[in-house]
Amino acid sequence: MIPVCAPPIVQASGTLILELTALRRPFLYFLLERHFEQQFHVAGRLARHKAGLKMSFRATTPESLAGRIAANIGKKIRCDPIPVDGATNAAEKIKRFLAWLFSIQDKTKNLCHKKYRTTASSRTNNPAPC
């Protein structure tokens, strides 16, 4: 769920901040101070994309928060774009893999039937070994 305030203020959930970054929305975020995943992975991801304005629970006062909000209302962001075609890319790769897999199965089946026809010509009523 994307917050509707401008700019959104979030406790840095990895999924939500990536959605906001992909939508190229400005946002203020707070990382949990003793949470490794947020301090390392989430902060690193945000730094790579140049997204969001980092806030600190300890250092933020109501006045400083209000000031950051006011300074960022309507502001255009300059973050790097995140590709949003991941599902399409994954579907295309799965499609190519399945096409390859079925073509291999067809080739294997054809080889098996050819082998059976040549080796089983002297046998009668024997089912194909494949």
Protein backbone atom coordinates (compact mmCIF):
# COMPACT_ATOMS: atom_id res chain seq x y z
CA MET A 1 0.00 0.00 0.00
CA ILE A 2 1.48 3.33 -1.08
CA PRO A 3 0.98 6.20 1.38
CA VAL A 4 -0.95 9.11 -0.06
CA CYS A 5 0.67 11.95 1.88
CA ALA A 6 3.28 14.07 0.14
CA PRO A 7 5.98 13.06 0.76
CA PRO A 8 5.28 9.70 2.40
CA ILE A 9 6.98 9.04 5.73
CA VAL A 10 7.85 5.38 6.17
CA GLN A 11 9.65 3.09 8.55
CA ALA A 12 11.88 1.55 5.89
CA SER A 13 10.14 -1.60 4.83
CA GLY A 14 12.16 -3.03 1.95
CA THR A 15 9.14 -3.68 -0.25
CA LEU A 16 7.48 -0.31 0.31
CA ILE A 17 10.62 1.72 -0.32
CA LEU A 18 11.30 -0.17 -3.54
CA GLU A 19 7.75 0.54 -4.68
CA LEU A 20 8.17 4.24 -3.89
CA THR A 21 11.55 4.26 -5.66
CA ALA A 22 10.16 2.46 -8.72
CA LEU A 23 7.32 4.99 -8.84
CA ARG A 24 9.92 7.77 -8.46
CA ARG A 25 8.08 9.25 -5.49
CA PRO A 26 9.95 11.35 -2.93
CA PHE A 27 9.77 9.94 0.60
CA LEU A 28 11.26 10.27 4.06
CA TYR A 29 12.32 7.07 5.76
CA PHE A 30 13.42 5.87 9.16
CA LEU A 31 15.56 2.75 9.51
CA LEU A 32 15.40 0.71 12.69
CA GLU A 33 18.65 1.59 14.40
CA ARG A 34 19.69 -1.87 15.59
CA HIS A 35 18.29 -3.86 12.68
CA PHE A 36 21.07 -5.31 10.52
CA GLU A 37 18.98 -5.96 7.41
CA GLN A 38 17.66 -2.41 7.34
CA GLN A 39 20.95 -0.74 8.25
CA PHE A 40 22.93 -2.77 5.71
CA HIS A 41 20.72 -4.05 2.87
CA VAL A 42 17.91 -1.50 2.80
CA ALA A 43 20.25 1.47 3.33
CA GLY A 44 22.61 0.16 0.65
CA ARG A 45 19.79 -0.32 -1.84
CA LEU A 46 18.50 3.20 -1.21
CA ALA A 47 22.01 4.64 -1.58
CA ARG A 48 22.50 2.80 -4.90
CA HIS A 49 19.25 4.19 -6.27
CA LYS A 50 19.76 7.63 -4.69
CA ALA A 51 16.24 7.40 -3.31
CA GLY A 52 14.53 8.76 -0.22
CA LEU A 53 15.64 11.10 2.54
CA LYS A 54 17.08 9.28 5.54
CA MET A 55 15.83 10.33 8.95
CA SER A 56 16.90 9.24 12.43
CA PHE A 57 14.50 8.43 15.24
CA ARG A 58 16.94 9.86 17.80
CA ALA A 59 17.78 13.07 15.98
CA THR A 60 14.33 13.94 14.62
CA THR A 61 12.15 16.43 16.42
CA PRO A 62 8.62 17.39 15.42
CA GLU A 63 10.02 20.69 14.11
CA SER A 64 12.79 19.06 12.04
CA LEU A 65 10.34 16.53 10.61
CA ALA A 66 7.90 19.30 9.69
CA GLY A 67 10.76 21.22 8.05
CA ARG A 68 11.85 18.21 5.95
CA ILE A 69 8.26 17.55 4.90
CA ALA A 70 7.68 21.17 3.90
CA ALA A 71 10.97 21.28 1.98
CA ASN A 72 10.04 18.20 -0.04
CA ILE A 73 6.40 18.80 -0.93
CA GLY A 74 6.12 18.83 -4.71
CA LYS A 75 9.86 18.32 -5.12
CA LYS A 76 11.00 16.35 -8.16
CA ILE A 77 13.29 13.47 -7.28
CA ARG A 78 16.47 12.55 -9.05
CA CYS A 79 16.75 8.87 -8.23
CA ASP A 80 17.97 6.21 -10.60
CA PRO A 81 15.10 4.29 -12.22
CA ILE A 82 14.36 0.74 -11.16
CA PRO A 83 13.38 -1.66 -13.94
CA VAL A 84 9.71 -2.51 -13.56
CA ASP A 85 9.52 -5.26 -16.19
CA GLY A 86 10.80 -8.10 -14.01
CA ALA A 87 7.66 -10.25 -14.36
CA THR A 88 7.74 -9.88 -18.14
CA ASN A 89 11.42 -10.82 -18.26
CA ALA A 90 10.85 -13.84 -16.01
CA ALA A 91 7.92 -15.02 -18.13
CA GLU A 92 9.99 -14.73 -21.31
CA LYS A 93 12.84 -16.76 -19.78
CA ILE A 94 10.42 -19.44 -18.58
CA LYS A 95 8.82 -19.55 -22.03
CA ARG A 96 12.22 -20.02 -23.73
CA PHE A 97 13.21 -22.69 -21.20
CA LEU A 98 9.98 -24.64 -21.68
CA ALA A 99 10.33 -24.44 -25.46
CA TRP A 100 13.87 -25.79 -25.17
CA LEU A 101 12.78 -28.51 -22.75
CA PHE A 102 9.95 -29.71 -24.99
CA SER A 103 12.22 -29.66 -28.06
CA ILE A 104 14.74 -31.87 -26.19
CA GLN A 105 11.96 -34.25 -25.15
CA ASP A 106 10.71 -34.48 -28.74
CA LYS A 107 14.22 -35.18 -30.03
CA THR A 108 14.77 -37.83 -27.36
CA LYS A 109 11.42 -39.45 -28.12
CA ASN A 110 12.21 -39.50 -31.86
CA LEU A 111 15.62 -41.04 -31.24
CA CYS A 112 14.08 -43.70 -29.02
CA HIS A 113 11.44 -44.61 -31.62
CA LYS A 114 14.04 -44.75 -34.41
CA LYS A 115 16.24 -47.01 -32.32
CA TYR A 116 13.29 -49.22 -31.44
CA ARG A 117 12.22 -49.55 -35.07
CA THR A 118 15.71 -50.63 -36.16
CA THR A 119 16.47 -53.00 -33.27
CA ALA A 120 12.99 -54.41 -32.78
CA SER A 121 12.23 -55.20 -36.41
CA SER A 122 12.98 -58.87 -35.77
CA ARG A 123 10.90 -58.91 -32.53
CA THR A 124 7.14 -58.99 -32.56
CA ASN A 125 4.65 -57.62 -30.08
CA ASN A 126 7.32 -56.00 -27.91
CA PRO A 127 6.42 -52.52 -26.57
CA ALA A 128 8.82 -49.64 -27.22
CA PRO A 129 11.41 -49.39 -24.42
CA CYS A 130 10.93 -45.63 -24.03
